[in-house]
Amino acid sequence: MKNIVVVGSQWGDEGKGKIVDWLSSEADIVIRFQGGHNAGHTLVIDGVTYKLRLLPSGVVRKNKISIIGNGVVIDPWALLDEIREIKSKGVEINQQNLIISEAANLILPFHREMDEIREDAAGKSKIGTTRRGIGPAYEDKIGRRSIRVMDLISEENLDNRLEVVLMHHNAIRKGLGKEIYKKDKLKQDLLKIAPEILKYSQPVWKKIDEFKSQEKKILFEGAQGVLLDVDHGTYPFVTSSNTVASSAATGSGCGPNSINYVLGITKAYTTRVGEGPFPTELTDEIGEKLGSIGKEFGTVTSRKRRCGWFDGVLVRQTIKISGIDGIALTKLDVLDHLKEIKMCVAYEVNGKKIDYLPASVEDQIKAKPVYKSFQGWNSSTKGIKKFDELPDNAKNYIKELEKFVETKVASISTSPERNDTILIIDPFKN
């Protein structure tokens, strides 16, 4: 029995949805442990496309239990809309296959408004958030004034908690010349949907302990990527949660000894959504080609992703920070018809060659990539399921990539379809 954590090794959008869906066929439990509805996974199963934002990827599979952990911030209205949307596609969701942590924090309408106010006021210094209130909700969590799922049980308690959080937000809103937020309508809106949320609510830490004693296979599903981690990413152009593998334990309520294998989802090139440093970004025809062939648009926002060459320096760094045991290489087929393929193997910052991304955003922006070039394979890899059937130049690129990042390639994805995967290491069995 193994429990696996799946994280993105870049800036997110690495194709985690397909890999998590593939792994969830073997898992019994799938747990989402951080982030909010700012991060999406797209699954394609039997020709049906599912776009998930808060629900764990296991929810679309029968006989799986999906859990939203305490580390997730939940917009309750967005969650209920997503449940209705997925149900409309024939997926059954009930109290037996979906559990929400009673300790999860809620995203409320004034969080979304604050997100928009800040982004609009920031001008050129904007972070590029999804404007869904994620950051302000995490701020309230850390400030100990947040509304949690369990607070929906008691009207008196909810009233008191809203009083505390609105005292903070209304002071800021007043200072910005914005209308103050009224408590009573929000309270009634929350009480109206409370039964729909609370029916899924349980002490998740206790359930995980039960599942472990039953030797269930648990899959911990991360959102976004390690480079967006609030501590280890390209700060301040990051998300508001910890996206590294170790936060799977904190964000669900189990010890780190519950994690047996960390799989890092890694795109064969690099993309980024929003603002911030991106050393290997391509603003030329090749960058446009990668975006077009790879359909690089956000699941949640439909924003166009910035594209660039594979950054081996960054991936090697995130592998070490997140304790990644193996990588699942995705979107190899997007590179099929490029004459030359490049991989970043170092940076130059102020005339000095370095082998890591510095912590200072000023230095990150200055970092110039040092590339190693590879000859393209100019033939289709789409749908290939065996490593030996790949073109020689593709095999060479993968082997050199694996050697440079100092971690084994566990699988290779050759199309969005779940079965178009070259399996080298099965994380549940090896």
Protein backbone atom coordinates (compact mmCIF):
# COMPACT_ATOMS: atom_id res chain seq x y z
CA MET A 1 0.00 0.00 0.00
CA LYS A 2 1.35 3.39 -1.03
CA ASN A 3 0.04 6.92 -0.63
CA ILE A 4 1.06 9.31 -3.39
CA VAL A 5 1.25 13.11 -3.60
CA VAL A 6 0.95 14.71 -7.03
CA VAL A 7 2.34 18.23 -7.46
CA GLY A 8 3.21 20.44 -10.41
CA SER A 9 6.95 20.96 -10.77
CA GLN A 10 6.65 24.24 -12.72
CA TRP A 11 4.15 27.16 -12.60
CA GLY A 12 1.08 24.93 -12.81
CA ASP A 13 -0.87 23.86 -15.92
CA GLU A 14 1.46 20.87 -16.36
CA GLY A 15 -1.38 18.45 -17.12
CA LYS A 16 -2.04 17.20 -13.59
CA GLY A 17 -5.71 16.47 -14.33
CA LYS A 18 -4.96 13.65 -16.75
CA ILE A 19 -2.27 12.12 -14.52
CA VAL A 20 -4.38 12.32 -11.37
CA ASP A 21 -7.29 10.75 -13.24
CA TRP A 22 -4.99 7.98 -14.46
CA LEU A 23 -3.70 7.36 -10.93
CA SER A 24 -7.16 7.60 -9.37
CA SER A 25 -8.13 4.41 -11.22
CA GLU A 26 -5.84 2.63 -8.74
CA ALA A 27 -6.45 4.87 -5.70
CA ASP A 28 -9.33 4.49 -3.25
CA ILE A 29 -9.27 8.05 -1.90
CA VAL A 30 -8.41 11.32 -3.70
CA ILE A 31 -7.71 14.37 -1.51
CA ARG A 32 -7.37 18.00 -2.59
CA PHE A 33 -5.17 19.72 0.01
CA GLN A 34 -4.60 23.38 -0.97
CA GLY A 35 -5.66 26.25 -3.23
CA GLY A 36 -9.15 27.22 -4.27
CA HIS A 37 -11.23 27.52 -7.43
CA ASN A 38 -8.40 29.52 -9.02
CA ALA A 39 -6.80 26.30 -10.23
CA GLY A 40 -8.49 23.91 -12.65
CA HIS A 41 -8.00 20.42 -13.98
CA THR A 42 -9.39 19.26 -17.30
CA LEU A 43 -10.23 15.56 -17.65
CA VAL A 44 -11.23 13.82 -20.86
CA ILE A 45 -12.91 10.47 -20.18
CA ASP A 46 -14.64 8.46 -22.91
CA GLY A 47 -14.97 11.61 -24.99
CA VAL A 48 -16.57 13.62 -22.18
CA THR A 49 -14.68 16.70 -20.93
CA TYR A 50 -14.87 17.59 -17.24
CA LYS A 51 -13.50 20.92 -16.03
CA LEU A 52 -12.88 20.68 -12.29
CA ARG A 53 -11.95 23.61 -10.06
CA LEU A 54 -12.61 22.62 -6.44
CA LEU A 55 -13.71 19.01 -6.72
CA PRO A 56 -10.90 16.41 -6.60
CA SER A 57 -10.32 14.54 -9.84
CA GLY A 58 -11.49 11.24 -8.34
CA VAL A 59 -15.06 12.51 -8.16
CA VAL A 60 -15.78 11.53 -11.78
CA ARG A 61 -14.89 7.88 -11.10
CA LYS A 62 -17.16 5.32 -9.48
CA ASN A 63 -16.31 3.79 -6.11
CA LYS A 64 -13.82 6.52 -5.20
CA ILE A 65 -14.04 8.85 -2.22
CA SER A 66 -13.12 12.48 -2.88
CA ILE A 67 -12.06 14.79 -0.07
CA ILE A 68 -11.63 18.58 0.09
CA GLY A 69 -9.12 19.14 2.88
CA ASN A 70 -8.73 21.87 5.48
CA GLY A 71 -5.95 23.48 3.43
CA VAL A 72 -8.38 24.42 0.65
CA VAL A 73 -10.29 27.72 0.64
CA ILE A 74 -13.84 27.16 -0.58
CA ASP A 75 -16.21 29.52 -2.34
CA PRO A 76 -19.42 27.72 -1.28
CA TRP A 77 -21.50 29.07 -4.16
CA ALA A 78 -18.83 28.13 -6.72
CA LEU A 79 -18.60 24.65 -5.19
CA LEU A 80 -22.35 24.06 -5.38
CA ASP A 81 -22.38 25.30 -8.99
CA GLU A 82 -19.56 22.88 -9.82
CA ILE A 83 -21.37 19.98 -8.16
CA ARG A 84 -24.50 20.75 -10.21
CA GLU A 85 -22.43 21.02 -13.39
CA ILE A 86 -20.71 17.67 -12.86
CA LYS A 87 -23.98 15.98 -11.85
CA SER A 88 -25.53 17.21 -15.13
CA LYS A 89 -22.95 15.06 -16.96
CA GLY A 90 -24.18 11.91 -15.24
CA VAL A 91 -21.73 11.81 -12.33
CA GLU A 92 -23.17 10.84 -8.96
CA ILE A 93 -22.06 13.05 -6.04
CA ASN A 94 -23.34 12.34 -2.54
CA GLN A 95 -22.26 12.15 1.12
CA GLN A 96 -20.72 8.73 0.52
CA ASN A 97 -18.24 9.83 -2.16
CA LEU A 98 -17.59 13.49 -1.26
CA ILE A 99 -16.27 14.74 2.08
CA ILE A 100 -15.49 18.37 2.96
CA SER A 101 -13.31 19.23 5.93
CA GLU A 102 -15.24 21.00 8.65
CA ALA A 103 -12.10 23.11 9.19
CA ALA A 104 -11.89 24.41 5.60
CA ASN A 105 -12.08 28.21 5.27
CA LEU A 106 -14.68 29.97 3.13
CA ILE A 107 -14.21 32.52 0.36
CA LEU A 108 -16.93 35.17 0.68
CA PRO A 109 -18.07 37.89 -1.77
CA PHE A 110 -16.01 40.63 -0.09
CA HIS A 111 -12.87 38.51 -0.64
CA ARG A 112 -13.51 38.52 -4.39
CA GLU A 113 -14.13 42.28 -4.36
CA MET A 114 -10.94 42.92 -2.38
CA ASP A 115 -8.97 40.82 -4.86
CA GLU A 116 -10.29 42.95 -7.74
CA ILE A 117 -9.74 46.24 -5.90
CA ARG A 118 -6.09 45.39 -5.21
CA GLU A 119 -5.33 44.14 -8.71
CA ASP A 120 -6.90 47.20 -10.32
CA ALA A 121 -5.02 49.55 -7.99
CA ALA A 122 -1.66 47.80 -8.47
CA GLY A 123 -1.21 48.84 -12.11
CA LYS A 124 2.10 47.53 -13.44
CA SER A 125 2.81 45.86 -10.08
CA LYS A 126 -0.22 43.56 -10.29
CA ILE A 127 0.33 39.88 -9.47
CA GLY A 128 -2.00 38.55 -12.13
CA THR A 129 -4.40 36.77 -9.77
CA THR A 130 -7.56 35.08 -10.99
CA ARG A 131 -9.60 37.67 -8.99
CA ARG A 132 -11.50 34.93 -7.21
CA GLY A 133 -10.70 36.02 -3.66
CA ILE A 134 -8.15 33.33 -2.88
CA GLY A 135 -5.46 35.60 -1.41
CA PRO A 136 -7.77 37.68 0.81
CA ALA A 137 -9.40 34.47 2.10
CA TYR A 138 -6.01 33.02 3.09
CA GLU A 139 -5.14 36.35 4.75
CA ASP A 140 -8.24 36.08 6.92
CA LYS A 141 -7.33 32.49 7.75
CA ILE A 142 -3.89 33.51 8.98
CA GLY A 143 -5.41 36.55 10.72
CA ARG A 144 -7.73 34.18 12.66
CA ARG A 145 -10.86 35.99 11.57
CA SER A 146 -12.02 33.61 8.82
CA ILE A 147 -15.38 31.87 8.48
CA ARG A 148 -14.99 28.09 8.37
CA VAL A 149 -17.37 25.36 7.23
CA MET A 150 -18.13 24.46 10.84
CA ASP A 151 -19.26 28.06 11.52
CA LEU A 152 -22.31 27.46 9.32
CA ILE A 153 -23.82 25.14 11.94
CA SER A 154 -24.85 27.87 14.39
CA GLU A 155 -26.56 31.14 13.41
CA GLU A 156 -25.33 32.82 16.59
CA ASN A 157 -21.76 31.74 16.00
CA LEU A 158 -21.91 32.75 12.33
CA ASP A 159 -23.20 36.19 13.34
CA ASN A 160 -20.28 36.64 15.75
CA ARG A 161 -17.69 35.46 13.22
CA LEU A 162 -19.06 37.76 10.52
CA GLU A 163 -18.88 40.67 12.95
CA VAL A 164 -15.17 40.02 13.47
CA VAL A 165 -14.21 39.60 9.81
CA LEU A 166 -16.31 42.55 8.57
CA MET A 167 -14.82 44.88 11.19
CA HIS A 168 -11.48 44.28 9.46
CA HIS A 169 -12.72 44.44 5.86
CA ASN A 170 -15.02 47.40 6.28
CA ALA A 171 -12.22 49.46 7.82
CA ILE A 172 -10.14 48.84 4.69
CA ARG A 173 -13.08 49.42 2.35
CA LYS A 174 -13.90 52.70 4.08
CA GLY A 175 -10.29 53.83 3.74
CA LEU A 176 -10.41 53.05 0.02
CA GLY A 177 -13.67 54.95 -0.41
CA LYS A 178 -15.69 51.79 -1.04
CA GLU A 179 -19.13 51.01 0.30
CA ILE A 180 -19.06 49.04 3.55
CA TYR A 181 -20.33 45.45 3.50
CA LYS A 182 -23.66 44.66 5.20
CA LYS A 183 -23.62 41.68 7.52
CA ASP A 184 -27.30 40.64 7.65
CA LYS A 185 -27.83 39.84 3.97
CA LEU A 186 -24.59 37.88 3.78
CA LYS A 187 -25.54 35.93 6.89
CA GLN A 188 -28.92 35.02 5.41
CA ASP A 189 -27.30 34.03 2.09
CA LEU A 190 -24.91 31.73 3.97
CA LEU A 191 -27.61 30.20 6.15
CA LYS A 192 -29.63 29.47 3.01
CA ILE A 193 -26.89 27.29 1.49
CA ALA A 194 -25.51 25.97 4.81
CA PRO A 195 -27.43 22.65 4.73
CA GLU A 196 -26.13 21.89 1.21
CA ILE A 197 -22.53 22.37 2.35
CA LEU A 198 -22.79 20.86 5.83
CA LYS A 199 -24.18 17.55 4.59
CA TYR A 200 -20.72 16.79 3.15
CA SER A 201 -18.82 18.05 6.23
CA GLN A 202 -16.78 15.68 8.40
CA PRO A 203 -13.55 15.69 10.46
CA VAL A 204 -11.26 14.76 7.60
CA TRP A 205 -8.23 13.96 9.77
CA LYS A 206 -10.31 11.25 11.48
CA LYS A 207 -11.51 9.80 8.19
CA ILE A 208 -7.94 9.66 6.84
CA ASP A 209 -6.85 7.78 9.96
CA GLU A 210 -9.66 5.27 9.36
CA PHE A 211 -8.68 4.86 5.71
CA LYS A 212 -5.05 4.27 6.66
CA SER A 213 -6.04 1.55 9.14
CA GLN A 214 -8.06 -0.06 6.33
CA GLU A 215 -4.95 0.13 4.08
CA LYS A 216 -6.72 2.24 1.49
CA LYS A 217 -4.62 3.79 -1.27
CA ILE A 218 -4.66 7.58 -0.92
CA LEU A 219 -3.86 10.06 -3.68
CA PHE A 220 -3.13 13.64 -2.55
CA GLU A 221 -3.88 16.08 -5.35
CA GLY A 222 -2.07 19.42 -5.49
CA ALA A 223 -3.18 22.47 -7.42
CA GLN A 224 -0.94 24.93 -9.32
CA GLY A 225 2.84 24.32 -9.20
CA VAL A 226 5.81 24.48 -6.83
CA LEU A 227 7.03 27.72 -8.45
CA LEU A 228 3.82 29.38 -7.23
CA ASP A 229 4.44 28.32 -3.61
CA VAL A 230 4.19 31.32 -1.26
CA ASP A 231 7.54 30.39 0.36
CA HIS A 232 9.48 28.73 -2.44
CA GLY A 233 8.07 30.26 -5.63
CA THR A 234 8.83 33.42 -7.60
CA TYR A 235 7.62 35.69 -4.78
CA PRO A 236 5.65 37.99 -4.86
CA PHE A 237 4.28 36.56 -8.12
CA VAL A 238 2.94 33.48 -6.37
CA THR A 239 -0.29 32.05 -4.99
CA SER A 240 -1.28 32.40 -1.32
CA SER A 241 -0.79 28.79 -0.23
CA ASN A 242 2.00 26.24 0.02
CA THR A 243 1.96 24.13 -3.13
CA VAL A 244 4.89 21.85 -2.18
CA ALA A 245 4.30 18.16 -1.47
CA SER A 246 4.79 18.49 2.29
CA SER A 247 1.66 20.65 2.55
CA ALA A 248 -0.39 17.57 1.64
CA ALA A 249 0.02 16.47 5.25
CA THR A 250 -0.86 19.87 6.74
CA GLY A 251 -3.71 20.53 4.33
CA SER A 252 -5.48 17.26 5.00
CA GLY A 253 -4.67 16.33 8.60
CA CYS A 254 -2.18 13.49 8.52
CA GLY A 255 1.49 13.09 9.38
CA PRO A 256 4.29 13.31 6.81
CA ASN A 257 4.88 9.59 7.32
CA SER A 258 1.59 9.08 5.45
CA ILE A 259 3.32 10.11 2.20
CA ASN A 260 5.22 7.33 0.42
CA TYR A 261 5.89 8.75 -3.04
CA VAL A 262 5.90 12.23 -4.60
CA LEU A 263 5.17 12.51 -8.31
CA GLY A 264 6.04 15.79 -10.02
CA ILE A 265 4.00 16.58 -13.13
CA THR A 266 6.38 18.19 -15.59
CA LYS A 267 5.58 19.68 -18.99
CA ALA A 268 8.10 18.98 -21.77
CA TYR A 269 8.34 22.76 -22.25
CA THR A 270 7.41 25.59 -19.85
CA THR A 271 4.31 27.76 -19.45
CA ARG A 272 3.17 30.44 -17.06
CA VAL A 273 -0.10 32.34 -16.50
CA GLY A 274 -0.11 35.85 -15.07
CA GLU A 275 2.75 38.18 -14.24
CA GLY A 276 6.25 37.44 -12.95
CA PRO A 277 9.71 36.28 -14.05
CA PHE A 278 9.98 33.64 -16.77
CA PRO A 279 13.63 33.19 -17.90
CA THR A 280 12.95 30.88 -20.88
CA GLU A 281 9.86 32.69 -22.20
CA LEU A 282 9.56 32.83 -25.99
CA THR A 283 7.73 35.82 -27.45
CA ASP A 284 8.49 34.78 -31.03
CA GLU A 285 6.92 32.43 -33.57
CA ILE A 286 8.06 29.32 -31.67
CA GLY A 287 6.37 30.52 -28.50
CA GLU A 288 3.16 31.10 -30.44
CA LYS A 289 3.46 27.65 -32.01
CA LEU A 290 3.85 25.94 -28.63
CA GLY A 291 0.79 27.78 -27.32
CA SER A 292 -1.30 26.98 -30.36
CA ILE A 293 -0.43 23.28 -30.63
CA GLY A 294 -0.53 22.78 -26.86
CA LYS A 295 -3.87 24.64 -26.51
CA GLU A 296 -2.36 26.75 -23.76
CA PHE A 297 -5.37 28.49 -22.28
CA GLY A 298 -6.35 28.38 -18.60
CA THR A 299 -9.03 25.90 -17.49
CA VAL A 300 -10.55 28.42 -15.06
CA THR A 301 -9.94 31.80 -16.70
CA SER A 302 -9.27 30.91 -20.37
CA ARG A 303 -6.27 33.25 -20.13
CA LYS A 304 -3.55 32.68 -22.71
CA ARG A 305 -0.46 31.09 -21.20
CA ARG A 306 3.05 32.38 -21.77
CA CYS A 307 5.25 29.68 -23.36
CA GLY A 308 8.96 28.91 -23.40
CA TRP A 309 11.62 26.24 -23.55
CA PHE A 310 11.99 23.60 -20.84
CA ASP A 311 13.80 25.08 -17.84
CA GLY A 312 15.87 22.28 -16.37
CA VAL A 313 17.36 24.53 -13.70
CA LEU A 314 13.94 25.37 -12.28
CA VAL A 315 12.62 21.81 -12.41
CA ARG A 316 15.74 20.44 -10.73
CA GLN A 317 15.27 23.08 -8.02
CA THR A 318 11.58 22.27 -7.41
CA ILE A 319 12.36 18.55 -7.34
CA LYS A 320 14.75 19.09 -4.45
CA ILE A 321 12.45 21.53 -2.61
CA SER A 322 9.40 19.27 -2.88
CA GLY A 323 11.11 15.89 -2.46
CA ILE A 324 9.91 14.63 -5.84
CA ASP A 325 10.69 10.93 -6.40
CA GLY A 326 9.77 10.79 -10.08
CA ILE A 327 8.35 13.00 -12.81
CA ALA A 328 5.45 12.47 -15.18
CA LEU A 329 6.53 14.17 -18.41
CA THR A 330 3.53 15.63 -20.25
CA LYS A 331 2.80 17.12 -23.69
CA LEU A 332 5.81 15.57 -25.40
CA ASP A 333 3.79 15.48 -28.64
CA VAL A 334 3.62 19.31 -28.72
CA LEU A 335 7.34 19.31 -29.62
CA ASP A 336 6.93 16.83 -32.49
CA HIS A 337 7.56 19.16 -35.43
CA LEU A 338 10.22 21.53 -34.13
CA LYS A 339 13.56 21.40 -35.95
CA GLU A 340 15.50 22.36 -32.84
CA ILE A 341 14.58 22.01 -29.16
CA LYS A 342 16.33 23.82 -26.34
CA MET A 343 16.74 23.15 -22.62
CA CYS A 344 17.89 25.72 -20.07
CA VAL A 345 20.86 24.32 -18.10
CA ALA A 346 22.09 27.46 -16.30
CA TYR A 347 21.53 31.22 -15.93
CA GLU A 348 23.64 34.29 -16.30
CA VAL A 349 22.92 37.02 -13.73
CA ASN A 350 25.03 40.18 -13.80
CA GLY A 351 27.65 38.39 -15.88
CA LYS A 352 27.92 35.47 -13.45
CA LYS A 353 26.87 31.92 -14.34
CA ILE A 354 24.69 30.23 -11.70
CA ASP A 355 22.89 26.86 -11.45
CA TYR A 356 19.75 27.90 -9.52
CA LEU A 357 17.06 30.56 -9.60
CA PRO A 358 17.93 33.29 -7.06
CA ALA A 359 15.31 34.32 -4.47
CA SER A 360 15.40 38.03 -5.37
CA VAL A 361 12.77 38.99 -7.94
CA GLU A 362 15.17 41.59 -9.38
CA ASP A 363 17.74 38.87 -10.06
CA GLN A 364 15.07 36.52 -11.38
CA ILE A 365 14.05 39.11 -13.96
CA LYS A 366 17.72 39.62 -14.95
CA ALA A 367 18.39 35.86 -15.30
CA LYS A 368 19.36 35.00 -18.87
CA PRO A 369 19.03 31.33 -19.83
CA VAL A 370 22.02 29.28 -20.96
CA TYR A 371 20.72 26.65 -23.39
CA LYS A 372 21.68 23.20 -24.55
CA SER A 373 20.29 22.42 -28.01
CA PHE A 374 18.79 19.16 -29.27
CA GLN A 375 17.84 18.06 -32.75
CA GLY A 376 14.07 17.67 -33.17
CA TRP A 377 12.50 14.38 -34.26
CA ASN A 378 10.07 15.79 -36.84
CA SER A 379 7.60 12.91 -36.52
CA SER A 380 4.49 12.22 -34.48
CA THR A 381 4.69 10.78 -30.98
CA LYS A 382 0.96 11.20 -30.41
CA GLY A 383 -0.61 8.12 -28.87
CA ILE A 384 2.64 6.14 -28.48
CA LYS A 385 2.47 3.84 -25.45
CA LYS A 386 5.95 2.25 -25.41
CA PHE A 387 9.24 4.06 -24.86
CA ASP A 388 11.06 1.97 -27.49
CA GLU A 389 8.61 3.17 -30.15
CA LEU A 390 9.55 6.84 -29.68
CA PRO A 391 11.81 8.48 -32.30
CA ASP A 392 15.51 8.29 -31.38
CA ASN A 393 15.83 12.07 -30.98
CA ALA A 394 12.81 12.11 -28.63
CA LYS A 395 14.37 9.35 -26.52
CA ASN A 396 17.63 11.29 -26.42
CA TYR A 397 15.85 14.48 -25.27
CA ILE A 398 14.05 12.58 -22.50
CA LYS A 399 17.20 10.81 -21.30
CA GLU A 400 19.17 14.07 -21.20
CA LEU A 401 16.30 15.80 -19.38
CA GLU A 402 16.13 12.99 -16.83
CA LYS A 403 19.88 13.12 -16.29
CA PHE A 404 19.92 16.88 -15.82
CA VAL A 405 17.03 17.13 -13.32
CA GLU A 406 18.49 14.18 -11.39
CA THR A 407 15.18 12.34 -11.08
CA LYS A 408 13.66 9.39 -12.90
CA VAL A 409 10.98 9.90 -15.53
CA ALA A 410 8.09 7.76 -14.25
CA SER A 411 5.76 8.25 -17.22
CA ILE A 412 5.44 10.11 -20.50
CA SER A 413 2.17 11.55 -21.78
CA THR A 414 1.73 11.62 -25.55
CA SER A 415 -1.79 13.11 -25.84
CA PRO A 416 -4.61 14.41 -23.60
CA GLU A 417 -6.25 10.95 -23.67
CA ARG A 418 -5.77 9.02 -20.43
CA ASN A 419 -4.49 5.83 -22.09
CA ASP A 420 -1.93 7.61 -24.27
CA THR A 421 0.74 7.25 -21.60
CA ILE A 422 4.09 5.49 -21.53
CA LEU A 423 4.31 3.96 -18.07
CA ILE A 424 7.88 3.43 -16.85
CA ILE A 425 7.34 3.42 -13.07
CA ASP A 426 3.97 2.77 -11.40
CA PRO A 427 4.08 4.94 -8.24
CA PHE A 428 1.56 2.70 -6.44
CA LYS A 429 3.61 -0.47 -7.04
CA ASN A 430 7.28 0.53 -7.24
